[in-house]
Amino acid sequence: QVRKKVPSNAVIATYYSFAPHLTHRERIYMWPTPFHASNWNVFKQEGECLPIANDVQYLMLPPDLGDNADVFDSIQRQFHVVAKSSNAVLYKRIPGSSTDICTAVRNGTADAAP
């Protein structure tokens, strides 16, 4: 299973239907948070990219992402696929990605690792 490839101490952003299977970890965010805050904290940062976005090491998303696909498009070059199934794709952040991820989200593009 794809979720078994996520290290137990990894910081992850995941689609809501996958979250119950990953909630045992210390830091998990519901997609598209922290890249585009949604229902976050006291709702004062809705739509913003949160500084904690740079801490995200993994994404677990459906292969046919409909929700906030534009956010994924802006960051996808900073991640690579490490596992895939018919209903989930696991992405790992490329070490040394050259662009601050919030800058990439604001600009709509993400640089790949150097």
PDB file of N, CA and C in Angstrom:
ATOM      1  N   GLN A   1       0.828  -1.194   0.000  1.00  0.00           N
ATOM      2  CA  GLN A   1       0.000   0.000   0.000  1.00  0.00           C
ATOM      3  C   GLN A   1       0.869   1.253   0.000  1.00  0.00           C
ATOM      4  N   VAL A   2       0.368   2.264  -0.656  1.00  0.00           N
ATOM      5  CA  VAL A   2       1.107   3.515  -0.794  1.00  0.00           C
ATOM      6  C   VAL A   2       1.392   4.146   0.567  1.00  0.00           C
ATOM      7  N   ARG A   3       0.420   4.169   1.440  1.00  0.00           N
ATOM      8  CA  ARG A   3       0.601   4.858   2.726  1.00  0.00           C
ATOM      9  C   ARG A   3       1.694   4.234   3.583  1.00  0.00           C
ATOM     10  N   LYS A   4       1.991   2.978   3.385  1.00  0.00           N
ATOM     11  CA  LYS A   4       3.043   2.307   4.153  1.00  0.00           C
ATOM     12  C   LYS A   4       4.437   2.784   3.771  1.00  0.00           C
ATOM     13  N   LYS A   5       4.551   3.496   2.675  1.00  0.00           N
ATOM     14  CA  LYS A   5       5.841   4.028   2.232  1.00  0.00           C
ATOM     15  C   LYS A   5       6.152   5.386   2.851  1.00  0.00           C
ATOM     16  N   VAL A   6       5.221   5.935   3.632  1.00  0.00           N
ATOM     17  CA  VAL A   6       5.439   7.226   4.288  1.00  0.00           C
ATOM     18  C   VAL A   6       6.113   6.974   5.632  1.00  0.00           C
ATOM     19  N   PRO A   7       7.314   7.511   5.839  1.00  0.00           N
ATOM     20  CA  PRO A   7       7.975   7.335   7.137  1.00  0.00           C
ATOM     21  C   PRO A   7       7.103   7.864   8.278  1.00  0.00           C
ATOM     22  N   SER A   8       7.166   7.212   9.422  1.00  0.00           N
ATOM     23  CA  SER A   8       6.288   7.573  10.541  1.00  0.00           C
ATOM     24  C   SER A   8       6.523   8.985  11.069  1.00  0.00           C
ATOM     25  N   ASN A   9       7.710   9.530  10.863  1.00  0.00           N
ATOM     26  CA  ASN A   9       8.002  10.873  11.370  1.00  0.00           C
ATOM     27  C   ASN A   9       7.918  11.943  10.277  1.00  0.00           C
ATOM     28  N   ALA A  10       7.429  11.570   9.096  1.00  0.00           N
ATOM     29  CA  ALA A  10       7.377  12.514   7.974  1.00  0.00           C
ATOM     30  C   ALA A  10       6.269  13.545   8.147  1.00  0.00           C
ATOM     31  N   VAL A  11       6.521  14.741   7.649  1.00  0.00           N
ATOM     32  CA  VAL A  11       5.513  15.798   7.587  1.00  0.00           C
ATOM     33  C   VAL A  11       4.813  15.631   6.250  1.00  0.00           C
ATOM     34  N   ILE A  12       3.484  15.509   6.283  1.00  0.00           N
ATOM     35  CA  ILE A  12       2.740  15.190   5.070  1.00  0.00           C
ATOM     36  C   ILE A  12       1.502  16.063   4.912  1.00  0.00           C
ATOM     37  N   ALA A  13       1.189  16.386   3.669  1.00  0.00           N
ATOM     38  CA  ALA A  13      -0.083  17.007   3.314  1.00  0.00           C
ATOM     39  C   ALA A  13      -0.824  15.960   2.496  1.00  0.00           C
ATOM     40  N   THR A  14      -2.076  15.703   2.841  1.00  0.00           N
ATOM     41  CA  THR A  14      -2.799  14.617   2.195  1.00  0.00           C
ATOM     42  C   THR A  14      -4.240  14.975   1.914  1.00  0.00           C
ATOM     43  N   TYR A  15      -4.803  14.298   0.967  1.00  0.00           N
ATOM     44  CA  TYR A  15      -6.197  14.466   0.599  1.00  0.00           C
ATOM     45  C   TYR A  15      -7.067  13.961   1.741  1.00  0.00           C
ATOM     46  N   TYR A  16      -8.232  14.578   1.925  1.00  0.00           N
ATOM     47  CA  TYR A  16      -9.048  14.283   3.106  1.00  0.00           C
ATOM     48  C   TYR A  16      -9.433  12.821   3.248  1.00  0.00           C
ATOM     49  N   SER A  17      -9.642  12.107   2.150  1.00  0.00           N
ATOM     50  CA  SER A  17     -10.046  10.703   2.279  1.00  0.00           C
ATOM     51  C   SER A  17      -8.901   9.797   2.734  1.00  0.00           C
ATOM     52  N   PHE A  18      -7.657  10.257   2.613  1.00  0.00           N
ATOM     53  CA  PHE A  18      -6.504   9.463   3.060  1.00  0.00           C
ATOM     54  C   PHE A  18      -6.101   9.794   4.502  1.00  0.00           C
ATOM     55  N   ALA A  19      -6.509  10.937   4.983  1.00  0.00           N
ATOM     56  CA  ALA A  19      -6.068  11.430   6.297  1.00  0.00           C
ATOM     57  C   ALA A  19      -6.324  10.456   7.446  1.00  0.00           C
ATOM     58  N   PRO A  20      -7.487   9.816   7.534  1.00  0.00           N
ATOM     59  CA  PRO A  20      -7.707   8.912   8.673  1.00  0.00           C
ATOM     60  C   PRO A  20      -6.671   7.790   8.770  1.00  0.00           C
ATOM     61  N   HIS A  21      -6.059   7.434   7.655  1.00  0.00           N
ATOM     62  CA  HIS A  21      -5.070   6.355   7.649  1.00  0.00           C
ATOM     63  C   HIS A  21      -3.663   6.844   8.007  1.00  0.00           C
ATOM     64  N   LEU A  22      -3.518   8.145   8.155  1.00  0.00           N
ATOM     65  CA  LEU A  22      -2.200   8.736   8.411  1.00  0.00           C
ATOM     66  C   LEU A  22      -2.162   9.599   9.670  1.00  0.00           C
ATOM     67  N   THR A  23      -3.229   9.652  10.413  1.00  0.00           N
ATOM     68  CA  THR A  23      -3.348  10.601  11.521  1.00  0.00           C
ATOM     69  C   THR A  23      -2.501  10.290  12.742  1.00  0.00           C
ATOM     70  N   HIS A  24      -1.828   9.189  12.762  1.00  0.00           N
ATOM     71  CA  HIS A  24      -0.993   8.849  13.921  1.00  0.00           C
ATOM     72  C   HIS A  24       0.287   9.683  13.970  1.00  0.00           C
ATOM     73  N   ARG A  25       0.532  10.461  12.966  1.00  0.00           N
ATOM     74  CA  ARG A  25       1.771  11.248  12.924  1.00  0.00           C
ATOM     75  C   ARG A  25       1.600  12.607  13.599  1.00  0.00           C
ATOM     76  N   GLU A  26       2.712  13.201  13.937  1.00  0.00           N
ATOM     77  CA  GLU A  26       2.710  14.471  14.661  1.00  0.00           C
ATOM     78  C   GLU A  26       2.276  15.650  13.794  1.00  0.00           C
ATOM     79  N   ARG A  27       2.691  15.664  12.527  1.00  0.00           N
ATOM     80  CA  ARG A  27       2.362  16.782  11.642  1.00  0.00           C
ATOM     81  C   ARG A  27       1.776  16.275  10.335  1.00  0.00           C
ATOM     82  N   ILE A  28       0.480  16.482  10.202  1.00  0.00           N
ATOM     83  CA  ILE A  28      -0.244  16.103   8.992  1.00  0.00           C
ATOM     84  C   ILE A  28      -1.179  17.254   8.643  1.00  0.00           C
ATOM     85  N   TYR A  29      -1.238  17.587   7.387  1.00  0.00           N
ATOM     86  CA  TYR A  29      -2.074  18.692   6.929  1.00  0.00           C
ATOM     87  C   TYR A  29      -3.048  18.183   5.886  1.00  0.00           C
ATOM     88  N   MET A  30      -4.256  18.712   5.916  1.00  0.00           N
ATOM     89  CA  MET A  30      -5.289  18.336   4.974  1.00  0.00           C
ATOM     90  C   MET A  30      -5.160  19.202   3.724  1.00  0.00           C
ATOM     91  N   TRP A  31      -4.941  18.558   2.582  1.00  0.00           N
ATOM     92  CA  TRP A  31      -4.787  19.248   1.310  1.00  0.00           C
ATOM     93  C   TRP A  31      -5.935  20.230   1.088  1.00  0.00           C
ATOM     94  N   PRO A  32      -5.690  21.468   0.693  1.00  0.00           N
ATOM     95  CA  PRO A  32      -4.456  22.042   0.184  1.00  0.00           C
ATOM     96  C   PRO A  32      -3.609  22.768   1.233  1.00  0.00           C
ATOM     97  N   THR A  33      -4.039  22.714   2.503  1.00  0.00           N
ATOM     98  CA  THR A  33      -3.237  23.299   3.574  1.00  0.00           C
ATOM     99  C   THR A  33      -1.949  22.490   3.688  1.00  0.00           C
ATOM    100  N   PRO A  34      -0.816  23.080   3.878  1.00  0.00           N
ATOM    101  CA  PRO A  34      -0.477  24.466   4.179  1.00  0.00           C
ATOM    102  C   PRO A  34      -0.144  25.322   2.955  1.00  0.00           C
ATOM    103  N   PHE A  35      -0.298  24.767   1.745  1.00  0.00           N
ATOM    104  CA  PHE A  35       0.051  25.519   0.543  1.00  0.00           C
ATOM    105  C   PHE A  35      -0.999  26.577   0.193  1.00  0.00           C
ATOM    106  N   HIS A  36      -2.228  26.320   0.596  1.00  0.00           N
ATOM    107  CA  HIS A  36      -3.352  27.233   0.393  1.00  0.00           C
ATOM    108  C   HIS A  36      -4.295  26.954   1.566  1.00  0.00           C
ATOM    109  N   ALA A  37      -4.153  27.736   2.634  1.00  0.00           N
ATOM    110  CA  ALA A  37      -4.871  27.450   3.883  1.00  0.00           C
ATOM    111  C   ALA A  37      -6.377  27.347   3.662  1.00  0.00           C
ATOM    112  N   SER A  38      -6.930  26.277   4.204  1.00  0.00           N
ATOM    113  CA  SER A  38      -8.357  26.032   4.095  1.00  0.00           C
ATOM    114  C   SER A  38      -8.838  25.488   5.444  1.00  0.00           C
ATOM    115  N   ASN A  39      -9.799  26.173   6.047  1.00  0.00           N
ATOM    116  CA  ASN A  39     -10.295  25.793   7.374  1.00  0.00           C
ATOM    117  C   ASN A  39      -9.164  25.697   8.386  1.00  0.00           C
ATOM    118  N   TRP A  40      -8.248  26.645   8.334  1.00  0.00           N
ATOM    119  CA  TRP A  40      -7.041  26.611   9.154  1.00  0.00           C
ATOM    120  C   TRP A  40      -7.175  27.516  10.367  1.00  0.00           C
ATOM    121  N   ASN A  41      -6.812  26.993  11.520  1.00  0.00           N
ATOM    122  CA  ASN A  41      -6.722  27.742  12.765  1.00  0.00           C
ATOM    123  C   ASN A  41      -8.011  28.523  13.020  1.00  0.00           C
ATOM    124  N   VAL A  42      -7.951  29.819  13.068  1.00  0.00           N
ATOM    125  CA  VAL A  42      -9.154  30.633  13.319  1.00  0.00           C
ATOM    126  C   VAL A  42      -9.601  31.349  12.038  1.00  0.00           C
ATOM    127  N   PHE A  43      -9.261  30.781  10.910  1.00  0.00           N
ATOM    128  CA  PHE A  43      -9.698  31.240   9.587  1.00  0.00           C
ATOM    129  C   PHE A  43      -9.171  32.614   9.191  1.00  0.00           C
ATOM    130  N   LYS A  44      -8.111  33.085   9.832  1.00  0.00           N
ATOM    131  CA  LYS A  44      -7.556  34.398   9.493  1.00  0.00           C
ATOM    132  C   LYS A  44      -6.537  34.315   8.369  1.00  0.00           C
ATOM    133  N   GLN A  45      -6.166  33.098   7.971  1.00  0.00           N
ATOM    134  CA  GLN A  45      -5.159  32.929   6.928  1.00  0.00           C
ATOM    135  C   GLN A  45      -5.714  32.165   5.732  1.00  0.00           C
ATOM    136  N   GLU A  46      -7.020  32.151   5.584  1.00  0.00           N
ATOM    137  CA  GLU A  46      -7.643  31.417   4.486  1.00  0.00           C
ATOM    138  C   GLU A  46      -7.056  31.831   3.145  1.00  0.00           C
ATOM    139  N   GLY A  47      -6.704  30.849   2.344  1.00  0.00           N
ATOM    140  CA  GLY A  47      -6.174  31.104   1.014  1.00  0.00           C
ATOM    141  C   GLY A  47      -4.696  31.426   0.960  1.00  0.00           C
ATOM    142  N   GLU A  48      -4.070  31.642   2.102  1.00  0.00           N
ATOM    143  CA  GLU A  48      -2.646  31.987   2.135  1.00  0.00           C
ATOM    144  C   GLU A  48      -1.781  30.733   2.173  1.00  0.00           C
ATOM    145  N   CYS A  49      -0.587  30.856   1.640  1.00  0.00           N
ATOM    146  CA  CYS A  49       0.419  29.806   1.808  1.00  0.00           C
ATOM    147  C   CYS A  49       1.074  30.056   3.163  1.00  0.00           C
ATOM    148  N   LEU A  50       1.051  29.046   4.012  1.00  0.00           N
ATOM    149  CA  LEU A  50       1.590  29.184   5.360  1.00  0.00           C
ATOM    150  C   LEU A  50       3.090  28.887   5.375  1.00  0.00           C
ATOM    151  N   PRO A  51       3.859  29.580   6.210  1.00  0.00           N
ATOM    152  CA  PRO A  51       5.310  29.338   6.279  1.00  0.00           C
ATOM    153  C   PRO A  51       5.675  27.875   6.544  1.00  0.00           C
ATOM    154  N   ILE A  52       4.819  27.140   7.204  1.00  0.00           N
ATOM    155  CA  ILE A  52       5.089  25.729   7.488  1.00  0.00           C
ATOM    156  C   ILE A  52       5.057  24.861   6.229  1.00  0.00           C
ATOM    157  N   ALA A  53       4.636  25.418   5.106  1.00  0.00           N
ATOM    158  CA  ALA A  53       4.584  24.655   3.852  1.00  0.00           C
ATOM    159  C   ALA A  53       5.959  24.128   3.462  1.00  0.00           C
ATOM    160  N   ASN A  54       6.995  24.878   3.778  1.00  0.00           N
ATOM    161  CA  ASN A  54       8.357  24.432   3.448  1.00  0.00           C
ATOM    162  C   ASN A  54       8.781  23.195   4.237  1.00  0.00           C
ATOM    163  N   ASP A  55       8.056  22.863   5.299  1.00  0.00           N
ATOM    164  CA  ASP A  55       8.373  21.681   6.106  1.00  0.00           C
ATOM    165  C   ASP A  55       7.795  20.391   5.528  1.00  0.00           C
ATOM    166  N   VAL A  56       6.840  20.509   4.617  1.00  0.00           N
ATOM    167  CA  VAL A  56       6.170  19.324   4.078  1.00  0.00           C
ATOM    168  C   VAL A  56       7.154  18.505   3.246  1.00  0.00           C
ATOM    169  N   GLN A  57       7.270  17.242   3.606  1.00  0.00           N
ATOM    170  CA  GLN A  57       8.193  16.327   2.928  1.00  0.00           C
ATOM    171  C   GLN A  57       7.485  15.413   1.931  1.00  0.00           C
ATOM    172  N   TYR A  58       6.206  15.136   2.180  1.00  0.00           N
ATOM    173  CA  TYR A  58       5.441  14.216   1.343  1.00  0.00           C
ATOM    174  C   TYR A  58       4.055  14.781   1.043  1.00  0.00           C
ATOM    175  N   LEU A  59       3.526  14.392  -0.095  1.00  0.00           N
ATOM    176  CA  LEU A  59       2.135  14.645  -0.468  1.00  0.00           C
ATOM    177  C   LEU A  59       1.521  13.296  -0.804  1.00  0.00           C
ATOM    178  N   MET A  60       0.299  13.062  -0.370  1.00  0.00           N
ATOM    179  CA  MET A  60      -0.431  11.866  -0.786  1.00  0.00           C
ATOM    180  C   MET A  60      -1.763  12.341  -1.337  1.00  0.00           C
ATOM    181  N   LEU A  61      -1.916  12.211  -2.651  1.00  0.00           N
ATOM    182  CA  LEU A  61      -3.059  12.777  -3.353  1.00  0.00           C
ATOM    183  C   LEU A  61      -3.645  11.758  -4.322  1.00  0.00           C
ATOM    184  N   PRO A  62      -4.902  11.946  -4.721  1.00  0.00           N
ATOM    185  CA  PRO A  62      -5.459  11.054  -5.733  1.00  0.00           C
ATOM    186  C   PRO A  62      -4.828  11.347  -7.097  1.00  0.00           C
ATOM    187  N   PRO A  63      -4.773  10.350  -7.983  1.00  0.00           N
ATOM    188  CA  PRO A  63      -4.159  10.577  -9.290  1.00  0.00           C
ATOM    189  C   PRO A  63      -4.903  11.611 -10.130  1.00  0.00           C
ATOM    190  N   ASP A  64      -6.192  11.689  -9.967  1.00  0.00           N
ATOM    191  CA  ASP A  64      -7.004  12.664 -10.707  1.00  0.00           C
ATOM    192  C   ASP A  64      -7.450  13.768  -9.762  1.00  0.00           C
ATOM    193  N   LEU A  65      -6.512  14.573  -9.349  1.00  0.00           N
ATOM    194  CA  LEU A  65      -6.784  15.634  -8.390  1.00  0.00           C
ATOM    195  C   LEU A  65      -7.669  16.702  -9.014  1.00  0.00           C
ATOM    196  N   GLY A  66      -8.803  16.928  -8.426  1.00  0.00           N
ATOM    197  CA  GLY A  66      -9.698  17.980  -8.904  1.00  0.00           C
ATOM    198  C   GLY A  66      -9.625  19.196  -8.007  1.00  0.00           C
ATOM    199  N   ASP A  67      -9.557  18.975  -6.703  1.00  0.00           N
ATOM    200  CA  ASP A  67      -9.530  20.061  -5.727  1.00  0.00           C
ATOM    201  C   ASP A  67      -8.174  20.744  -5.706  1.00  0.00           C
ATOM    202  N   ASN A  68      -8.181  22.013  -5.988  1.00  0.00           N
ATOM    203  CA  ASN A  68      -6.959  22.824  -5.913  1.00  0.00           C
ATOM    204  C   ASN A  68      -5.835  22.290  -6.798  1.00  0.00           C
ATOM    205  N   ALA A  69      -6.187  21.838  -7.978  1.00  0.00           N
ATOM    206  CA  ALA A  69      -5.194  21.342  -8.928  1.00  0.00           C
ATOM    207  C   ALA A  69      -4.199  22.440  -9.294  1.00  0.00           C
ATOM    208  N   ASP A  70      -4.652  23.694  -9.294  1.00  0.00           N
ATOM    209  CA  ASP A  70      -3.749  24.807  -9.606  1.00  0.00           C
ATOM    210  C   ASP A  70      -2.657  24.946  -8.556  1.00  0.00           C
ATOM    211  N   VAL A  71      -2.975  24.657  -7.299  1.00  0.00           N
ATOM    212  CA  VAL A  71      -1.970  24.700  -6.235  1.00  0.00           C
ATOM    213  C   VAL A  71      -0.942  23.594  -6.483  1.00  0.00           C
ATOM    214  N   PHE A  72      -1.424  22.400  -6.794  1.00  0.00           N
ATOM    215  CA  PHE A  72      -0.503  21.299  -7.077  1.00  0.00           C
ATOM    216  C   PHE A  72       0.375  21.619  -8.287  1.00  0.00           C
ATOM    217  N   ASP A  73      -0.224  22.175  -9.319  1.00  0.00           N
ATOM    218  CA  ASP A  73       0.544  22.528 -10.518  1.00  0.00           C
ATOM    219  C   ASP A  73       1.701  23.469 -10.183  1.00  0.00           C
ATOM    220  N   SER A  74       1.482  24.366  -9.222  1.00  0.00           N
ATOM    221  CA  SER A  74       2.518  25.343  -8.874  1.00  0.00           C
ATOM    222  C   SER A  74       3.664  24.754  -8.055  1.00  0.00           C
ATOM    223  N   ILE A  75       3.446  23.607  -7.430  1.00  0.00           N
ATOM    224  CA  ILE A  75       4.490  23.016  -6.576  1.00  0.00           C
ATOM    225  C   ILE A  75       5.003  21.679  -7.072  1.00  0.00           C
ATOM    226  N   GLN A  76       4.367  21.089  -8.054  1.00  0.00           N
ATOM    227  CA  GLN A  76       4.677  19.698  -8.418  1.00  0.00           C
ATOM    228  C   GLN A  76       6.124  19.467  -8.836  1.00  0.00           C
ATOM    229  N   ARG A  77       6.793  20.465  -9.381  1.00  0.00           N
ATOM    230  CA  ARG A  77       8.189  20.272  -9.788  1.00  0.00           C
ATOM    231  C   ARG A  77       9.129  20.171  -8.595  1.00  0.00           C
ATOM    232  N   GLN A  78       8.638  20.475  -7.388  1.00  0.00           N
ATOM    233  CA  GLN A  78       9.464  20.321  -6.191  1.00  0.00           C
ATOM    234  C   GLN A  78       9.275  18.949  -5.537  1.00  0.00           C
ATOM    235  N   PHE A  79       8.483  18.091  -6.179  1.00  0.00           N
ATOM    236  CA  PHE A  79       8.201  16.749  -5.665  1.00  0.00           C
ATOM    237  C   PHE A  79       8.386  15.725  -6.780  1.00  0.00           C
ATOM    238  N   HIS A  80       8.675  14.484  -6.389  1.00  0.00           N
ATOM    239  CA  HIS A  80       8.716  13.402  -7.367  1.00  0.00           C
ATOM    240  C   HIS A  80       7.919  12.222  -6.836  1.00  0.00           C
ATOM    241  N   VAL A  81       7.402  11.411  -7.721  1.00  0.00           N
ATOM    242  CA  VAL A  81       6.577  10.260  -7.352  1.00  0.00           C
ATOM    243  C   VAL A  81       7.453   9.163  -6.767  1.00  0.00           C
ATOM    244  N   VAL A  82       7.042   8.648  -5.591  1.00  0.00           N
ATOM    245  CA  VAL A  82       7.767   7.528  -4.977  1.00  0.00           C
ATOM    246  C   VAL A  82       6.918   6.267  -4.899  1.00  0.00           C
ATOM    247  N   ALA A  83       5.598   6.412  -5.019  1.00  0.00           N
ATOM    248  CA  ALA A  83       4.701   5.252  -5.008  1.00  0.00           C
ATOM    249  C   ALA A  83       3.375   5.655  -5.637  1.00  0.00           C
ATOM    250  N   LYS A  84       2.714   4.658  -6.226  1.00  0.00           N
ATOM    251  CA  LYS A  84       1.475   4.943  -6.924  1.00  0.00           C
ATOM    252  C   LYS A  84       0.571   3.722  -6.880  1.00  0.00           C
ATOM    253  N   SER A  85      -0.727   3.960  -6.724  1.00  0.00           N
ATOM    254  CA  SER A  85      -1.722   2.900  -6.834  1.00  0.00           C
ATOM    255  C   SER A  85      -2.866   3.453  -7.683  1.00  0.00           C
ATOM    256  N   SER A  86      -3.923   2.699  -7.809  1.00  0.00           N
ATOM    257  CA  SER A  86      -5.042   3.164  -8.623  1.00  0.00           C
ATOM    258  C   SER A  86      -5.768   4.356  -8.006  1.00  0.00           C
ATOM    259  N   ASN A  87      -5.644   4.535  -6.685  1.00  0.00           N
ATOM    260  CA  ASN A  87      -6.363   5.635  -6.049  1.00  0.00           C
ATOM    261  C   ASN A  87      -5.473   6.640  -5.309  1.00  0.00           C
ATOM    262  N   ALA A  88      -4.166   6.449  -5.297  1.00  0.00           N
ATOM    263  CA  ALA A  88      -3.291   7.374  -4.562  1.00  0.00           C
ATOM    264  C   ALA A  88      -1.914   7.474  -5.210  1.00  0.00           C
ATOM    265  N   VAL A  89      -1.361   8.682  -5.118  1.00  0.00           N
ATOM    266  CA  VAL A  89       0.015   8.909  -5.558  1.00  0.00           C
ATOM    267  C   VAL A  89       0.763   9.543  -4.392  1.00  0.00           C
ATOM    268  N   LEU A  90       1.913   8.981  -4.069  1.00  0.00           N
ATOM    269  CA  LEU A  90       2.746   9.518  -3.005  1.00  0.00           C
ATOM    270  C   LEU A  90       3.919  10.253  -3.636  1.00  0.00           C
ATOM    271  N   TYR A  91       4.072  11.516  -3.258  1.00  0.00           N
ATOM    272  CA  TYR A  91       5.151  12.358  -3.756  1.00  0.00           C
ATOM    273  C   TYR A  91       6.095  12.686  -2.612  1.00  0.00           C
ATOM    274  N   LYS A  92       7.375  12.754  -2.909  1.00  0.00           N
ATOM    275  CA  LYS A  92       8.381  13.148  -1.921  1.00  0.00           C
ATOM    276  C   LYS A  92       9.034  14.439  -2.396  1.00  0.00           C
ATOM    277  N   ARG A  93       9.269  15.350  -1.467  1.00  0.00           N
ATOM    278  CA  ARG A  93       9.915  16.618  -1.812  1.00  0.00           C
ATOM    279  C   ARG A  93      11.349  16.368  -2.243  1.00  0.00           C
ATOM    280  N   ILE A  94      11.737  17.025  -3.306  1.00  0.00           N
ATOM    281  CA  ILE A  94      13.087  16.898  -3.826  1.00  0.00           C
ATOM    282  C   ILE A  94      14.024  17.700  -2.927  1.00  0.00           C
ATOM    283  N   PRO A  95      15.019  17.046  -2.319  1.00  0.00           N
ATOM    284  CA  PRO A  95      15.950  17.786  -1.456  1.00  0.00           C
ATOM    285  C   PRO A  95      16.633  18.910  -2.233  1.00  0.00           C
ATOM    286  N   GLY A  96      16.750  20.044  -1.603  1.00  0.00           N
ATOM    287  CA  GLY A  96      17.427  21.175  -2.222  1.00  0.00           C
ATOM    288  C   GLY A  96      16.599  21.926  -3.240  1.00  0.00           C
ATOM    289  N   SER A  97      15.274  21.738  -3.228  1.00  0.00           N
ATOM    290  CA  SER A  97      14.432  22.492  -4.153  1.00  0.00           C
ATOM    291  C   SER A  97      14.770  23.963  -4.015  1.00  0.00           C
ATOM    292  N   SER A  98      14.958  24.617  -5.142  1.00  0.00           N
ATOM    293  CA  SER A  98      15.571  25.947  -5.133  1.00  0.00           C
ATOM    294  C   SER A  98      14.625  27.110  -4.863  1.00  0.00           C
ATOM    295  N   THR A  99      13.337  26.895  -4.916  1.00  0.00           N
ATOM    296  CA  THR A  99      12.383  27.983  -4.694  1.00  0.00           C
ATOM    297  C   THR A  99      11.618  27.760  -3.406  1.00  0.00           C
ATOM    298  N   ASP A 100      11.471  28.817  -2.614  1.00  0.00           N
ATOM    299  CA  ASP A 100      10.589  28.769  -1.455  1.00  0.00           C
ATOM    300  C   ASP A 100       9.212  28.354  -1.972  1.00  0.00           C
ATOM    301  N   ILE A 101       8.615  27.389  -1.335  1.00  0.00           N
ATOM    302  CA  ILE A 101       7.382  26.828  -1.870  1.00  0.00           C
ATOM    303  C   ILE A 101       6.241  27.850  -1.882  1.00  0.00           C
ATOM    304  N   CYS A 102       6.195  28.765  -0.921  1.00  0.00           N
ATOM    305  CA  CYS A 102       5.147  29.792  -0.929  1.00  0.00           C
ATOM    306  C   CYS A 102       5.360  30.783  -2.069  1.00  0.00           C
ATOM    307  N   THR A 103       6.602  31.054  -2.410  1.00  0.00           N
ATOM    308  CA  THR A 103       6.890  31.906  -3.564  1.00  0.00           C
ATOM    309  C   THR A 103       6.385  31.214  -4.827  1.00  0.00           C
ATOM    310  N   ALA A 104       6.613  29.916  -4.922  1.00  0.00           N
ATOM    311  CA  ALA A 104       6.146  29.148  -6.076  1.00  0.00           C
ATOM    312  C   ALA A 104       4.623  29.191  -6.176  1.00  0.00           C
ATOM    313  N   VAL A 105       3.941  29.050  -5.040  1.00  0.00           N
ATOM    314  CA  VAL A 105       2.471  29.074  -5.039  1.00  0.00           C
ATOM    315  C   VAL A 105       1.981  30.448  -5.485  1.00  0.00           C
ATOM    316  N   ARG A 106       2.587  31.503  -4.946  1.00  0.00           N
ATOM    317  CA  ARG A 106       2.168  32.865  -5.331  1.00  0.00           C
ATOM    318  C   ARG A 106       2.413  33.130  -6.806  1.00  0.00           C
ATOM    319  N   ASN A 107       3.528  32.624  -7.328  1.00  0.00           N
ATOM    320  CA  ASN A 107       3.887  32.869  -8.728  1.00  0.00           C
ATOM    321  C   ASN A 107       3.245  31.872  -9.689  1.00  0.00           C
ATOM    322  N   GLY A 108       2.714  30.773  -9.138  1.00  0.00           N
ATOM    323  CA  GLY A 108       2.087  29.769  -9.977  1.00  0.00           C
ATOM    324  C   GLY A 108       3.072  28.810 -10.627  1.00  0.00           C
ATOM    325  N   THR A 109       4.347  28.861 -10.233  1.00  0.00           N
ATOM    326  CA  THR A 109       5.343  27.939 -10.776  1.00  0.00           C
ATOM    327  C   THR A 109       6.321  27.545  -9.693  1.00  0.00           C
ATOM    328  N   ALA A 110       6.899  26.372  -9.844  1.00  0.00           N
ATOM    329  CA  ALA A 110       7.894  25.905  -8.885  1.00  0.00           C
ATOM    330  C   ALA A 110       9.130  25.443  -9.616  1.00  0.00           C
ATOM    331  N   ASP A 111      10.284  25.893  -9.173  1.00  0.00           N
ATOM    332  CA  ASP A 111      11.534  25.426  -9.747  1.00  0.00           C
ATOM    333  C   ASP A 111      11.826  24.025  -9.247  1.00  0.00           C
ATOM    334  N   ALA A 112      12.461  23.249 -10.073  1.00  0.00           N
ATOM    335  CA  ALA A 112      12.909  21.924  -9.666  1.00  0.00           C
ATOM    336  C   ALA A 112      14.192  22.060  -8.874  1.00  0.00           C
ATOM    337  N   ALA A 113      14.602  20.961  -8.307  1.00  0.00           N
ATOM    338  CA  ALA A 113      15.865  20.967  -7.547  1.00  0.00           C
ATOM    339  C   ALA A 113      17.004  21.324  -8.489  1.00  0.00           C
ATOM    340  N   PRO A 114      18.045  21.946  -7.968  1.00  0.00           N
ATOM    341  CA  PRO A 114      19.171  22.311  -8.814  1.00  0.00           C
ATOM    342  C   PRO A 114      19.864  21.098  -9.395  1.00  0.00           C
TER     343      PRO A 114
END
